[in-house]
Amino acid sequence: MFIPRRKIILTGYRATGKTLVGLMLAQHLHLDFIDMDEMLEVRAGQPIRQIVAQQGWGQFRLLERDLLAEMVCRKDVVISTGGGAILHQEIWNLLRQTGLVVWLTADIDTICRRLAEDGKSTSQRPSLTDSDIYAEVAQVLAEREPLYEKGSHLTVDTSNKTSGEIVHIIETALGDDAFLRTVEASLPKNPIFC
């Protein structure tokens, strides 16, 4: 059942603000917060970089898919998904029916600057393509942007906004009955029930 005020799923590429915005949004709405990458690391007992180095991207994606499936029926939560969670389209389509999906975007220059400024970025986020960072971001965004667009209800460009401004935009959308009716009308006629 579609419950946008009780479940918000944040998607988008690395360094678009999913974790910080998710934490703030969860606090504002008095919901739980789940950072899927963090939860994967806790469950695996090692950082994502280590999982990928030892077991490969394929195994990481399997772990990610399984955790994403667990999120389908979660309620009263803000979920910050990993940038590649959108690749699991079958599960994503189910997830999209149970909450409001918000795509946080940013331009390539902003993403690269944020990644360079984030000390955790190089130590925890393994390369996806083994290219230089700008080429990698451009390539992966080109592949994923159509999926992000198709799989989201709301898009917020975070390039020149504070986390507070982004949270306000999402909260405003949650309070807009006309927007929510449009979102609900776009969903399949036979929604899943949790």
N, C-alpha and C. Protein backbone atom coordinates (compact mmCIF):
# COMPACT_ATOMS: atom_id res chain seq x y z
N MET A 1 0.84 -1.18 0.00
CA MET A 1 0.00 0.00 0.00
C MET A 1 0.89 1.25 0.00
N PHE A 2 0.52 2.24 -0.79
CA PHE A 2 1.29 3.47 -0.92
C PHE A 2 1.10 4.34 0.32
N ILE A 3 2.20 4.58 1.04
CA ILE A 3 2.14 5.34 2.30
C ILE A 3 3.22 6.42 2.31
N PRO A 4 3.08 7.43 1.45
CA PRO A 4 4.15 8.41 1.29
C PRO A 4 4.55 9.16 2.54
N ARG A 5 3.64 9.40 3.45
CA ARG A 5 4.00 10.17 4.64
C ARG A 5 4.70 9.30 5.68
N ARG A 6 4.67 7.99 5.49
CA ARG A 6 5.26 7.08 6.47
C ARG A 6 6.52 6.40 5.94
N LYS A 7 6.83 6.63 4.67
CA LYS A 7 8.03 6.00 4.11
C LYS A 7 8.55 6.84 2.95
N ILE A 8 9.79 7.29 3.10
CA ILE A 8 10.44 8.07 2.06
C ILE A 8 11.73 7.35 1.69
N ILE A 9 11.92 7.13 0.40
CA ILE A 9 13.11 6.44 -0.10
C ILE A 9 13.92 7.47 -0.88
N LEU A 10 15.17 7.68 -0.48
CA LEU A 10 16.06 8.61 -1.17
C LEU A 10 16.98 7.83 -2.09
N THR A 11 17.04 8.26 -3.33
CA THR A 11 17.92 7.63 -4.30
C THR A 11 18.76 8.70 -4.97
N GLY A 12 19.77 8.28 -5.69
CA GLY A 12 20.64 9.22 -6.39
C GLY A 12 22.07 8.75 -6.33
N TYR A 13 22.92 9.42 -7.09
CA TYR A 13 24.33 9.06 -7.18
C TYR A 13 25.04 9.40 -5.87
N ARG A 14 26.25 8.91 -5.75
CA ARG A 14 27.08 9.23 -4.59
C ARG A 14 27.19 10.75 -4.43
N ALA A 15 27.27 11.18 -3.18
CA ALA A 15 27.54 12.59 -2.84
C ALA A 15 26.44 13.55 -3.27
N THR A 16 25.21 13.06 -3.36
CA THR A 16 24.10 13.97 -3.65
C THR A 16 23.34 14.36 -2.39
N GLY A 17 23.76 13.83 -1.24
CA GLY A 17 23.19 14.25 0.03
C GLY A 17 22.20 13.29 0.67
N LYS A 18 22.14 12.07 0.19
CA LYS A 18 21.12 11.12 0.67
C LYS A 18 21.21 10.87 2.17
N THR A 19 22.40 10.69 2.69
CA THR A 19 22.54 10.37 4.12
C THR A 19 22.20 11.56 5.00
N LEU A 20 22.78 12.70 4.73
CA LEU A 20 22.52 13.88 5.56
C LEU A 20 21.06 14.32 5.47
N VAL A 21 20.54 14.39 4.26
CA VAL A 21 19.14 14.77 4.07
C VAL A 21 18.23 13.73 4.73
N GLY A 22 18.56 12.46 4.57
CA GLY A 22 17.76 11.39 5.17
C GLY A 22 17.69 11.49 6.68
N LEU A 23 18.82 11.74 7.30
CA LEU A 23 18.86 11.90 8.76
C LEU A 23 17.99 13.07 9.21
N MET A 24 18.14 14.20 8.54
CA MET A 24 17.37 15.40 8.91
C MET A 24 15.88 15.18 8.68
N LEU A 25 15.55 14.57 7.56
CA LEU A 25 14.15 14.34 7.23
C LEU A 25 13.50 13.39 8.24
N ALA A 26 14.23 12.33 8.59
CA ALA A 26 13.72 11.37 9.58
C ALA A 26 13.46 12.06 10.92
N GLN A 27 14.38 12.94 11.33
CA GLN A 27 14.19 13.67 12.58
C GLN A 27 12.96 14.57 12.51
N HIS A 28 12.81 15.29 11.41
CA HIS A 28 11.67 16.21 11.24
C HIS A 28 10.34 15.47 11.26
N LEU A 29 10.32 14.28 10.64
CA LEU A 29 9.06 13.54 10.50
C LEU A 29 8.86 12.51 11.60
N HIS A 30 9.82 12.41 12.52
CA HIS A 30 9.77 11.44 13.62
C HIS A 30 9.65 10.01 13.09
N LEU A 31 10.51 9.71 12.12
CA LEU A 31 10.58 8.38 11.53
C LEU A 31 11.95 7.78 11.80
N ASP A 32 12.07 6.47 11.67
CA ASP A 32 13.37 5.81 11.76
C ASP A 32 14.18 6.20 10.53
N PHE A 33 15.50 6.03 10.63
CA PHE A 33 16.37 6.28 9.49
C PHE A 33 17.22 5.04 9.23
N ILE A 34 17.29 4.65 7.97
CA ILE A 34 18.16 3.53 7.56
C ILE A 34 19.06 4.00 6.43
N ASP A 35 20.36 3.87 6.64
CA ASP A 35 21.34 4.08 5.58
C ASP A 35 21.72 2.68 5.10
N MET A 36 21.28 2.32 3.91
CA MET A 36 21.48 0.95 3.44
C MET A 36 22.95 0.56 3.34
N ASP A 37 23.81 1.47 2.88
CA ASP A 37 25.24 1.13 2.79
C ASP A 37 25.80 0.83 4.17
N GLU A 38 25.43 1.64 5.14
CA GLU A 38 25.90 1.44 6.52
C GLU A 38 25.39 0.10 7.06
N MET A 39 24.13 -0.21 6.81
CA MET A 39 23.56 -1.46 7.28
C MET A 39 24.24 -2.67 6.62
N LEU A 40 24.56 -2.54 5.33
CA LEU A 40 25.28 -3.62 4.64
C LEU A 40 26.64 -3.86 5.27
N GLU A 41 27.33 -2.79 5.60
CA GLU A 41 28.65 -2.92 6.21
C GLU A 41 28.56 -3.60 7.58
N VAL A 42 27.56 -3.21 8.36
CA VAL A 42 27.38 -3.81 9.69
C VAL A 42 27.11 -5.30 9.55
N ARG A 43 26.21 -5.65 8.65
CA ARG A 43 25.87 -7.06 8.46
C ARG A 43 27.05 -7.88 7.95
N ALA A 44 27.83 -7.30 7.06
CA ALA A 44 28.97 -8.02 6.48
C ALA A 44 30.17 -8.01 7.42
N GLY A 45 30.18 -7.08 8.39
CA GLY A 45 31.30 -6.97 9.30
C GLY A 45 32.54 -6.39 8.65
N GLN A 46 32.35 -5.69 7.55
CA GLN A 46 33.48 -5.06 6.86
C GLN A 46 32.96 -3.94 5.94
N PRO A 47 33.84 -3.00 5.62
CA PRO A 47 33.43 -1.89 4.75
C PRO A 47 33.13 -2.38 3.33
N ILE A 48 32.34 -1.59 2.62
CA ILE A 48 31.98 -1.94 1.24
C ILE A 48 33.23 -2.13 0.39
N ARG A 49 34.23 -1.27 0.58
CA ARG A 49 35.47 -1.39 -0.20
C ARG A 49 36.06 -2.79 -0.04
N GLN A 50 36.03 -3.31 1.17
CA GLN A 50 36.58 -4.65 1.45
C GLN A 50 35.71 -5.75 0.84
N ILE A 51 34.40 -5.60 0.95
CA ILE A 51 33.49 -6.57 0.35
C ILE A 51 33.77 -6.69 -1.14
N VAL A 52 33.86 -5.54 -1.80
CA VAL A 52 34.10 -5.52 -3.25
C VAL A 52 35.47 -6.08 -3.59
N ALA A 53 36.49 -5.73 -2.80
CA ALA A 53 37.86 -6.22 -3.06
C ALA A 53 37.94 -7.73 -2.90
N GLN A 54 37.27 -8.27 -1.90
CA GLN A 54 37.37 -9.71 -1.62
C GLN A 54 36.38 -10.56 -2.40
N GLN A 55 35.18 -10.02 -2.63
CA GLN A 55 34.12 -10.84 -3.23
C GLN A 55 33.60 -10.32 -4.57
N GLY A 56 33.98 -9.10 -4.93
CA GLY A 56 33.57 -8.54 -6.21
C GLY A 56 32.26 -7.76 -6.13
N TRP A 57 32.04 -6.94 -7.17
CA TRP A 57 30.83 -6.14 -7.23
C TRP A 57 29.58 -7.01 -7.30
N GLY A 58 29.67 -8.16 -7.98
CA GLY A 58 28.52 -9.04 -8.10
C GLY A 58 27.98 -9.47 -6.75
N GLN A 59 28.86 -9.89 -5.86
CA GLN A 59 28.43 -10.30 -4.53
C GLN A 59 27.86 -9.12 -3.74
N PHE A 60 28.50 -7.97 -3.86
CA PHE A 60 27.96 -6.78 -3.18
C PHE A 60 26.55 -6.49 -3.66
N ARG A 61 26.33 -6.56 -4.97
CA ARG A 61 25.00 -6.28 -5.52
C ARG A 61 23.97 -7.29 -5.02
N LEU A 62 24.36 -8.55 -4.82
CA LEU A 62 23.44 -9.55 -4.26
C LEU A 62 23.04 -9.18 -2.83
N LEU A 63 24.02 -8.78 -2.03
CA LEU A 63 23.74 -8.35 -0.65
C LEU A 63 22.81 -7.12 -0.66
N GLU A 64 23.10 -6.21 -1.56
CA GLU A 64 22.31 -4.99 -1.68
C GLU A 64 20.87 -5.33 -2.09
N ARG A 65 20.72 -6.23 -3.06
CA ARG A 65 19.40 -6.63 -3.53
C ARG A 65 18.58 -7.25 -2.40
N ASP A 66 19.21 -8.13 -1.62
CA ASP A 66 18.50 -8.78 -0.52
C ASP A 66 18.03 -7.76 0.52
N LEU A 67 18.89 -6.81 0.84
CA LEU A 67 18.51 -5.78 1.82
C LEU A 67 17.41 -4.88 1.25
N LEU A 68 17.51 -4.55 -0.02
CA LEU A 68 16.48 -3.72 -0.65
C LEU A 68 15.12 -4.42 -0.58
N ALA A 69 15.11 -5.71 -0.79
CA ALA A 69 13.86 -6.48 -0.71
C ALA A 69 13.25 -6.39 0.69
N GLU A 70 14.09 -6.36 1.70
CA GLU A 70 13.60 -6.21 3.08
C GLU A 70 12.93 -4.85 3.31
N MET A 71 13.32 -3.87 2.53
CA MET A 71 12.81 -2.51 2.71
C MET A 71 11.41 -2.32 2.12
N VAL A 72 10.98 -3.25 1.25
CA VAL A 72 9.70 -3.08 0.56
C VAL A 72 8.55 -2.89 1.55
N CYS A 73 8.50 -3.68 2.59
CA CYS A 73 7.37 -3.60 3.53
C CYS A 73 7.69 -2.84 4.82
N ARG A 74 8.85 -2.21 4.90
CA ARG A 74 9.16 -1.38 6.07
C ARG A 74 8.27 -0.15 6.07
N LYS A 75 7.88 0.30 7.26
CA LYS A 75 7.06 1.50 7.39
C LYS A 75 7.69 2.42 8.42
N ASP A 76 7.22 3.65 8.43
CA ASP A 76 7.69 4.64 9.40
C ASP A 76 9.20 4.81 9.33
N VAL A 77 9.70 5.06 8.11
CA VAL A 77 11.14 5.08 7.90
C VAL A 77 11.52 5.99 6.74
N VAL A 78 12.69 6.57 6.85
CA VAL A 78 13.35 7.24 5.73
C VAL A 78 14.54 6.35 5.38
N ILE A 79 14.64 5.97 4.11
CA ILE A 79 15.69 5.05 3.67
C ILE A 79 16.62 5.76 2.70
N SER A 80 17.90 5.77 3.02
CA SER A 80 18.92 6.27 2.12
C SER A 80 19.51 5.05 1.40
N THR A 81 19.20 4.93 0.12
CA THR A 81 19.69 3.77 -0.64
C THR A 81 21.07 4.05 -1.19
N GLY A 82 21.80 3.00 -1.50
CA GLY A 82 23.08 3.16 -2.18
C GLY A 82 22.82 3.63 -3.60
N GLY A 83 23.80 4.27 -4.18
CA GLY A 83 23.63 4.82 -5.53
C GLY A 83 23.26 3.78 -6.57
N GLY A 84 23.69 2.53 -6.37
CA GLY A 84 23.40 1.47 -7.35
C GLY A 84 22.17 0.66 -7.04
N ALA A 85 21.46 0.95 -5.95
CA ALA A 85 20.27 0.18 -5.59
C ALA A 85 19.21 0.26 -6.69
N ILE A 86 19.21 1.34 -7.43
CA ILE A 86 18.25 1.53 -8.52
C ILE A 86 18.41 0.48 -9.61
N LEU A 87 19.55 -0.19 -9.66
CA LEU A 87 19.79 -1.21 -10.67
C LEU A 87 18.92 -2.45 -10.47
N HIS A 88 18.42 -2.64 -9.27
CA HIS A 88 17.58 -3.80 -8.95
C HIS A 88 16.13 -3.45 -9.29
N GLN A 89 15.84 -3.36 -10.58
CA GLN A 89 14.57 -2.82 -11.05
C GLN A 89 13.34 -3.58 -10.58
N GLU A 90 13.39 -4.89 -10.53
CA GLU A 90 12.22 -5.66 -10.12
C GLU A 90 11.81 -5.30 -8.69
N ILE A 91 12.80 -5.26 -7.81
CA ILE A 91 12.52 -4.89 -6.41
C ILE A 91 12.20 -3.41 -6.31
N TRP A 92 12.91 -2.59 -7.08
CA TRP A 92 12.69 -1.14 -7.02
C TRP A 92 11.24 -0.80 -7.36
N ASN A 93 10.68 -1.49 -8.37
CA ASN A 93 9.30 -1.22 -8.75
C ASN A 93 8.33 -1.54 -7.62
N LEU A 94 8.63 -2.56 -6.83
CA LEU A 94 7.81 -2.88 -5.66
C LEU A 94 7.99 -1.81 -4.58
N LEU A 95 9.22 -1.43 -4.35
CA LEU A 95 9.53 -0.42 -3.33
C LEU A 95 8.82 0.89 -3.65
N ARG A 96 8.82 1.25 -4.90
CA ARG A 96 8.22 2.50 -5.37
C ARG A 96 6.71 2.55 -5.09
N GLN A 97 6.08 1.40 -4.96
CA GLN A 97 4.64 1.34 -4.67
C GLN A 97 4.33 1.54 -3.19
N THR A 98 5.34 1.53 -2.35
CA THR A 98 5.09 1.55 -0.90
C THR A 98 5.54 2.84 -0.21
N GLY A 99 6.08 3.77 -0.95
CA GLY A 99 6.52 5.01 -0.33
C GLY A 99 6.91 6.03 -1.39
N LEU A 100 7.22 7.22 -0.95
CA LEU A 100 7.60 8.30 -1.86
C LEU A 100 9.09 8.18 -2.17
N VAL A 101 9.42 8.05 -3.45
CA VAL A 101 10.81 7.94 -3.87
C VAL A 101 11.28 9.32 -4.35
N VAL A 102 12.35 9.80 -3.72
CA VAL A 102 12.89 11.11 -4.04
C VAL A 102 14.30 10.93 -4.61
N TRP A 103 14.48 11.43 -5.83
CA TRP A 103 15.78 11.37 -6.51
C TRP A 103 16.52 12.67 -6.22
N LEU A 104 17.64 12.55 -5.50
CA LEU A 104 18.50 13.70 -5.25
C LEU A 104 19.56 13.74 -6.33
N THR A 105 19.61 14.84 -7.04
CA THR A 105 20.55 14.99 -8.16
C THR A 105 21.57 16.08 -7.84
N ALA A 106 22.62 16.11 -8.64
CA ALA A 106 23.61 17.19 -8.60
C ALA A 106 24.37 17.12 -9.91
N ASP A 107 24.94 18.24 -10.32
CA ASP A 107 25.72 18.22 -11.55
C ASP A 107 27.06 17.52 -11.30
N ILE A 108 27.71 17.12 -12.37
CA ILE A 108 28.96 16.34 -12.26
C ILE A 108 30.03 17.09 -11.49
N ASP A 109 30.19 18.37 -11.76
CA ASP A 109 31.22 19.15 -11.06
C ASP A 109 30.97 19.16 -9.55
N THR A 110 29.71 19.32 -9.14
CA THR A 110 29.36 19.34 -7.72
C THR A 110 29.64 17.98 -7.09
N ILE A 111 29.24 16.91 -7.78
CA ILE A 111 29.48 15.56 -7.26
C ILE A 111 30.98 15.33 -7.08
N CYS A 112 31.77 15.65 -8.09
CA CYS A 112 33.22 15.44 -8.01
C CYS A 112 33.85 16.27 -6.89
N ARG A 113 33.40 17.51 -6.74
CA ARG A 113 33.93 18.35 -5.66
C ARG A 113 33.58 17.76 -4.30
N ARG A 114 32.34 17.34 -4.14
CA ARG A 114 31.93 16.75 -2.86
C ARG A 114 32.69 15.46 -2.57
N LEU A 115 32.89 14.63 -3.58
CA LEU A 115 33.64 13.39 -3.38
C LEU A 115 35.08 13.70 -2.96
N ALA A 116 35.68 14.71 -3.59
CA ALA A 116 37.07 15.07 -3.27
C ALA A 116 37.18 15.63 -1.85
N GLU A 117 36.12 16.33 -1.39
CA GLU A 117 36.14 16.94 -0.05
C GLU A 117 35.78 15.96 1.05
N ASP A 118 35.23 14.82 0.68
CA ASP A 118 34.77 13.84 1.67
C ASP A 118 35.86 12.81 1.92
N GLY A 119 36.45 12.86 3.11
CA GLY A 119 37.52 11.93 3.46
C GLY A 119 37.09 10.47 3.41
N LYS A 120 35.82 10.20 3.74
CA LYS A 120 35.31 8.83 3.71
C LYS A 120 35.20 8.30 2.29
N SER A 121 35.08 9.20 1.35
CA SER A 121 34.80 8.81 -0.01
C SER A 121 35.85 7.87 -0.59
N THR A 122 37.09 8.26 -0.49
CA THR A 122 38.14 7.43 -1.07
C THR A 122 38.41 6.18 -0.26
N SER A 123 38.21 6.24 1.04
CA SER A 123 38.50 5.07 1.86
C SER A 123 37.35 4.06 1.86
N GLN A 124 36.11 4.51 1.62
CA GLN A 124 34.97 3.60 1.72
C GLN A 124 34.27 3.31 0.40
N ARG A 125 34.40 4.18 -0.56
CA ARG A 125 33.67 3.99 -1.82
C ARG A 125 34.61 3.50 -2.90
N PRO A 126 34.52 2.20 -3.23
CA PRO A 126 35.42 1.69 -4.28
C PRO A 126 35.02 2.23 -5.65
N SER A 127 36.00 2.29 -6.53
CA SER A 127 35.75 2.75 -7.89
C SER A 127 34.77 1.81 -8.58
N LEU A 128 33.93 2.39 -9.39
CA LEU A 128 32.96 1.59 -10.15
C LEU A 128 33.50 1.22 -11.53
N THR A 129 34.42 2.02 -12.05
CA THR A 129 34.89 1.82 -13.44
C THR A 129 36.40 1.82 -13.59
N ASP A 130 37.14 2.14 -12.54
CA ASP A 130 38.59 2.29 -12.60
C ASP A 130 39.03 3.43 -13.53
N SER A 131 38.14 4.35 -13.82
CA SER A 131 38.48 5.55 -14.59
C SER A 131 38.78 6.67 -13.61
N ASP A 132 39.25 7.82 -14.13
CA ASP A 132 39.40 8.96 -13.24
C ASP A 132 38.00 9.37 -12.79
N ILE A 133 37.92 10.09 -11.69
CA ILE A 133 36.65 10.35 -11.02
C ILE A 133 35.64 11.06 -11.92
N TYR A 134 36.09 12.05 -12.67
CA TYR A 134 35.15 12.79 -13.53
C TYR A 134 34.57 11.88 -14.60
N ALA A 135 35.43 11.09 -15.25
CA ALA A 135 34.96 10.17 -16.29
C ALA A 135 34.02 9.12 -15.70
N GLU A 136 34.36 8.63 -14.49
CA GLU A 136 33.51 7.63 -13.85
C GLU A 136 32.12 8.20 -13.55
N VAL A 137 32.08 9.38 -12.94
CA VAL A 137 30.80 9.99 -12.60
C VAL A 137 29.97 10.20 -13.87
N ALA A 138 30.59 10.73 -14.91
CA ALA A 138 29.87 10.99 -16.17
C ALA A 138 29.32 9.69 -16.76
N GLN A 139 30.14 8.65 -16.77
CA GLN A 139 29.72 7.38 -17.35
C GLN A 139 28.58 6.74 -16.55
N VAL A 140 28.74 6.67 -15.24
CA VAL A 140 27.73 6.00 -14.40
C VAL A 140 26.43 6.80 -14.39
N LEU A 141 26.53 8.12 -14.34
CA LEU A 141 25.31 8.94 -14.39
C LEU A 141 24.56 8.72 -15.70
N ALA A 142 25.29 8.65 -16.80
CA ALA A 142 24.65 8.43 -18.11
C ALA A 142 23.89 7.10 -18.11
N GLU A 143 24.44 6.09 -17.44
CA GLU A 143 23.78 4.78 -17.38
C GLU A 143 22.57 4.79 -16.43
N ARG A 144 22.70 5.48 -15.31
CA ARG A 144 21.68 5.38 -14.27
C ARG A 144 20.59 6.45 -14.31
N GLU A 145 20.86 7.60 -14.89
CA GLU A 145 19.87 8.68 -14.84
C GLU A 145 18.50 8.27 -15.38
N PRO A 146 18.43 7.51 -16.49
CA PRO A 146 17.08 7.09 -16.93
C PRO A 146 16.37 6.22 -15.89
N LEU A 147 17.12 5.41 -15.16
CA LEU A 147 16.52 4.57 -14.11
C LEU A 147 16.06 5.42 -12.93
N TYR A 148 16.90 6.38 -12.52
CA TYR A 148 16.52 7.28 -11.42
C TYR A 148 15.24 8.03 -11.79
N GLU A 149 15.21 8.54 -13.02
CA GLU A 149 14.06 9.34 -13.45
C GLU A 149 12.78 8.49 -13.47
N LYS A 150 12.88 7.31 -14.05
CA LYS A 150 11.71 6.43 -14.15
C LYS A 150 11.28 5.90 -12.78
N GLY A 151 12.22 5.72 -11.88
CA GLY A 151 11.94 5.09 -10.59
C GLY A 151 11.64 6.04 -9.45
N SER A 152 11.46 7.33 -9.74
CA SER A 152 11.24 8.32 -8.67
C SER A 152 9.94 9.08 -8.87
N HIS A 153 9.42 9.58 -7.77
CA HIS A 153 8.21 10.41 -7.80
C HIS A 153 8.55 11.90 -7.80
N LEU A 154 9.68 12.24 -7.20
CA LEU A 154 10.07 13.63 -7.01
C LEU A 154 11.57 13.75 -7.24
N THR A 155 11.98 14.82 -7.92
CA THR A 155 13.39 15.07 -8.17
C THR A 155 13.78 16.39 -7.52
N VAL A 156 14.90 16.37 -6.79
CA VAL A 156 15.39 17.59 -6.15
C VAL A 156 16.87 17.75 -6.51
N ASP A 157 17.20 18.86 -7.18
CA ASP A 157 18.60 19.15 -7.50
C ASP A 157 19.26 19.73 -6.25
N THR A 158 20.27 19.05 -5.75
CA THR A 158 20.93 19.46 -4.50
C THR A 158 22.17 20.32 -4.73
N SER A 159 22.49 20.61 -5.99
CA SER A 159 23.75 21.29 -6.31
C SER A 159 23.98 22.57 -5.52
N ASN A 160 22.97 23.41 -5.43
CA ASN A 160 23.15 24.71 -4.78
C ASN A 160 22.17 24.91 -3.63
N LYS A 161 21.83 23.82 -2.95
CA LYS A 161 20.88 23.91 -1.84
C LYS A 161 21.50 23.34 -0.57
N THR A 162 21.07 23.89 0.56
CA THR A 162 21.49 23.33 1.85
C THR A 162 20.62 22.11 2.14
N SER A 163 21.07 21.30 3.08
CA SER A 163 20.28 20.13 3.48
C SER A 163 18.91 20.57 3.99
N GLY A 164 18.87 21.65 4.74
CA GLY A 164 17.61 22.17 5.25
C GLY A 164 16.64 22.55 4.14
N GLU A 165 17.16 23.18 3.10
CA GLU A 165 16.31 23.55 1.96
C GLU A 165 15.76 22.31 1.25
N ILE A 166 16.58 21.29 1.13
CA ILE A 166 16.15 20.05 0.48
C ILE A 166 15.07 19.37 1.30
N VAL A 167 15.27 19.31 2.61
CA VAL A 167 14.27 18.71 3.50
C VAL A 167 12.96 19.48 3.38
N HIS A 168 13.03 20.79 3.33
CA HIS A 168 11.82 21.62 3.20
C HIS A 168 11.07 21.30 1.91
N ILE A 169 11.79 21.13 0.81
CA ILE A 169 11.16 20.80 -0.48
C ILE A 169 10.42 19.46 -0.38
N ILE A 170 11.05 18.48 0.25
CA ILE A 170 10.42 17.16 0.38
C ILE A 170 9.21 17.23 1.30
N GLU A 171 9.34 17.94 2.41
CA GLU A 171 8.21 18.08 3.33
C GLU A 171 7.04 18.81 2.67
N THR A 172 7.34 19.80 1.86
CA THR A 172 6.30 20.52 1.13
C THR A 172 5.56 19.57 0.19
N ALA A 173 6.31 18.73 -0.52
CA ALA A 173 5.69 17.75 -1.42
C ALA A 173 4.80 16.78 -0.65
N LEU A 174 5.26 16.36 0.54
CA LEU A 174 4.47 15.43 1.37
C LEU A 174 3.17 16.07 1.85
N GLY A 175 3.13 17.38 1.92
CA GLY A 175 1.94 18.08 2.35
C GLY A 175 1.04 18.54 1.21
N ASP A 176 1.45 18.24 -0.01
CA ASP A 176 0.71 18.67 -1.20
C ASP A 176 -0.20 17.54 -1.68
N ASP A 177 -1.47 17.61 -1.31
CA ASP A 177 -2.41 16.53 -1.64
C ASP A 177 -2.55 16.32 -3.15
N ALA A 178 -2.52 17.41 -3.93
CA ALA A 178 -2.64 17.27 -5.38
C ALA A 178 -1.44 16.50 -5.94
N PHE A 179 -0.24 16.81 -5.45
CA PHE A 179 0.96 16.09 -5.89
C PHE A 179 0.85 14.61 -5.51
N LEU A 180 0.44 14.32 -4.28
CA LEU A 180 0.33 12.94 -3.82
C LEU A 180 -0.73 12.16 -4.59
N ARG A 181 -1.82 12.82 -4.95
CA ARG A 181 -2.85 12.14 -5.77
C ARG A 181 -2.29 11.80 -7.15
N THR A 182 -1.50 12.71 -7.72
CA THR A 182 -0.88 12.46 -9.02
C THR A 182 0.09 11.28 -8.93
N VAL A 183 0.87 11.24 -7.87
CA VAL A 183 1.80 10.14 -7.66
C VAL A 183 1.03 8.83 -7.54
N GLU A 184 0.02 8.82 -6.71
CA GLU A 184 -0.75 7.59 -6.50
C GLU A 184 -1.43 7.13 -7.79
N ALA A 185 -1.89 8.07 -8.58
CA ALA A 185 -2.55 7.73 -9.85
C ALA A 185 -1.58 7.08 -10.84
N SER A 186 -0.29 7.36 -10.67
CA SER A 186 0.72 6.80 -11.58
C SER A 186 1.12 5.36 -11.22
N LEU A 187 0.66 4.89 -10.07
CA LEU A 187 1.04 3.56 -9.61
C LEU A 187 0.15 2.49 -10.24
N PRO A 188 0.63 1.23 -10.25
CA PRO A 188 -0.18 0.14 -10.81
C PRO A 188 -1.53 0.04 -10.10
N LYS A 189 -2.53 -0.43 -10.82
CA LYS A 189 -3.88 -0.54 -10.25
C LYS A 189 -3.99 -1.65 -9.22
N ASN A 190 -3.09 -2.62 -9.26
CA ASN A 190 -3.07 -3.71 -8.29
C ASN A 190 -1.82 -3.61 -7.43
N PRO A 191 -1.82 -2.68 -6.47
CA PRO A 191 -0.61 -2.48 -5.67
C PRO A 191 -0.31 -3.67 -4.77
N ILE A 192 0.94 -3.76 -4.34
CA ILE A 192 1.30 -4.80 -3.42
C ILE A 192 0.79 -4.45 -2.04
N PHE A 193 0.56 -5.45 -1.23
CA PHE A 193 0.12 -5.22 0.15
C PHE A 193 1.13 -5.84 1.09
N CYS A 194 1.51 -5.08 2.07
CA CYS A 194 2.49 -5.57 3.05
C CYS A 194 1.78 -5.95 4.33
